[in-house]
Amino acid sequence: METIFSKHSYYAVIFTSELNPSITGYHDMAVKMEMLAKQQDGFLGIETARTDIGITVSYWRDEASIKTWKAQLEHRLAQDLGRVQWYKWYRVRVCKVEREYGFGS
């Protein structure tokens, strides 16, 4: 991802979810999707956390990059499996980040 004080705006896709009790194959697919996302044009970074509710935020250069990723064939197959097998529910939010700041690493 860019430095802490980004000079340009970018986009964040916030994916929040709750898993079903049976998640066979989920972890392997999550790893595969992260590796695939990192290969996409416009991908800037990813942060994820999971306890009872999972939150994954991926960062993108622009909306066109997000749309291309959403339509990517392997990603679409993973989305379908998520709806059918792994998730009780999920929400996707797309946001434009105008600025960022932070402390530490």
Protein backbone atom coordinates (compact mmCIF):
# COMPACT_ATOMS: atom_id res chain seq x y z
CA MET A 1 0.00 0.00 0.00
CA GLU A 2 1.04 3.62 -0.32
CA THR A 3 2.83 5.53 2.43
CA ILE A 4 0.96 6.61 5.55
CA PHE A 5 0.46 10.12 4.16
CA SER A 6 -0.93 9.34 0.73
CA LYS A 7 -0.62 12.11 -1.84
CA HIS A 8 -3.56 10.89 -3.94
CA SER A 9 -7.04 9.66 -3.21
CA TYR A 10 -7.79 5.98 -3.74
CA TYR A 11 -10.61 3.53 -3.04
CA ALA A 12 -11.31 1.05 -0.27
CA VAL A 13 -13.59 -1.98 -0.59
CA ILE A 14 -14.78 -2.97 2.88
CA PHE A 15 -16.04 -6.55 3.07
CA THR A 16 -17.68 -7.55 6.36
CA SER A 17 -19.07 -11.03 6.91
CA GLU A 18 -20.10 -13.77 9.27
CA LEU A 19 -19.19 -17.36 8.44
CA ASN A 20 -21.39 -20.43 8.59
CA PRO A 21 -20.32 -23.18 11.03
CA SER A 22 -18.94 -25.36 8.20
CA ILE A 23 -16.26 -23.58 6.20
CA THR A 24 -14.43 -26.42 4.48
CA GLY A 25 -12.20 -24.95 1.77
CA TYR A 26 -12.73 -21.35 2.90
CA HIS A 27 -9.21 -20.64 4.15
CA ASP A 28 -7.54 -22.02 1.03
CA MET A 29 -9.84 -19.94 -1.17
CA ALA A 30 -9.19 -16.80 0.89
CA VAL A 31 -5.44 -17.25 0.45
CA LYS A 32 -5.87 -17.87 -3.28
CA MET A 33 -8.07 -14.76 -3.70
CA GLU A 34 -5.60 -12.56 -1.86
CA MET A 35 -2.76 -13.78 -4.08
CA LEU A 36 -4.90 -13.23 -7.18
CA ALA A 37 -5.98 -9.75 -6.06
CA LYS A 38 -2.35 -8.75 -5.60
CA GLN A 39 -1.77 -9.53 -9.30
CA GLN A 40 -4.57 -7.21 -10.48
CA ASP A 41 -3.83 -3.85 -12.04
CA GLY A 42 -4.76 -1.10 -9.60
CA PHE A 43 -4.44 -3.20 -6.42
CA LEU A 44 -2.74 -1.23 -3.63
CA GLY A 45 -3.02 -3.39 -0.52
CA ILE A 46 -5.18 -5.40 1.87
CA GLU A 47 -5.90 -5.58 5.60
CA THR A 48 -7.98 -8.28 7.26
CA ALA A 49 -9.19 -9.34 10.70
CA ARG A 50 -11.55 -12.10 11.78
CA THR A 51 -13.12 -13.02 15.10
CA ASP A 52 -16.90 -13.42 15.19
CA ILE A 53 -17.26 -11.01 12.28
CA GLY A 54 -14.64 -10.75 9.55
CA ILE A 55 -13.51 -7.48 8.05
CA THR A 56 -11.32 -7.30 4.96
CA VAL A 57 -10.42 -3.96 3.44
CA SER A 58 -8.79 -3.96 0.03
CA TYR A 59 -7.37 -0.79 -1.46
CA TRP A 60 -7.54 0.14 -5.13
CA ARG A 61 -6.29 2.91 -7.38
CA ASP A 62 -9.70 3.64 -8.92
CA GLU A 63 -13.24 2.37 -9.42
CA ALA A 64 -12.35 0.77 -12.76
CA SER A 65 -9.83 -1.49 -10.98
CA ILE A 66 -12.52 -2.54 -8.49
CA LYS A 67 -14.99 -3.34 -11.26
CA THR A 68 -12.39 -5.41 -13.10
CA TRP A 69 -11.61 -7.35 -9.93
CA LYS A 70 -15.31 -7.94 -9.19
CA ALA A 71 -15.76 -9.40 -12.70
CA GLN A 72 -12.58 -11.55 -12.66
CA LEU A 73 -13.65 -15.14 -13.38
CA GLU A 74 -11.94 -16.95 -10.49
CA HIS A 75 -13.10 -14.22 -8.10
CA ARG A 76 -16.67 -14.62 -9.37
CA LEU A 77 -16.51 -18.37 -8.69
CA ALA A 78 -15.27 -17.67 -5.15
CA GLN A 79 -18.12 -15.17 -4.66
CA ASP A 80 -20.63 -17.83 -5.70
CA LEU A 81 -19.14 -20.39 -3.31
CA GLY A 82 -19.23 -17.79 -0.54
CA ARG A 83 -22.95 -17.20 -1.01
CA VAL A 84 -23.76 -20.91 -1.26
CA GLN A 85 -21.36 -22.41 1.32
CA TRP A 86 -19.41 -20.14 3.61
CA TYR A 87 -21.25 -16.96 4.59
CA LYS A 88 -24.29 -16.44 6.81
CA TRP A 89 -24.24 -12.88 5.48
CA TYR A 90 -21.88 -10.28 4.05
CA ARG A 91 -21.81 -6.59 3.15
CA VAL A 92 -19.60 -4.79 0.64
CA ARG A 93 -18.95 -1.08 0.91
CA VAL A 94 -16.94 0.90 -1.63
CA CYS A 95 -15.46 4.16 -0.37
CA LYS A 96 -13.25 6.88 -1.76
CA VAL A 97 -10.38 7.67 0.60
CA GLU A 98 -9.53 11.36 0.42
CA ARG A 99 -6.71 11.30 2.95
CA GLU A 100 -5.05 9.07 5.50
CA TYR A 101 -2.83 9.50 8.49
CA GLY A 102 -1.51 7.34 11.28
CA PHE A 103 1.01 6.63 13.97
CA GLY A 104 3.71 3.96 14.04
CA SER A 105 4.25 1.18 11.56
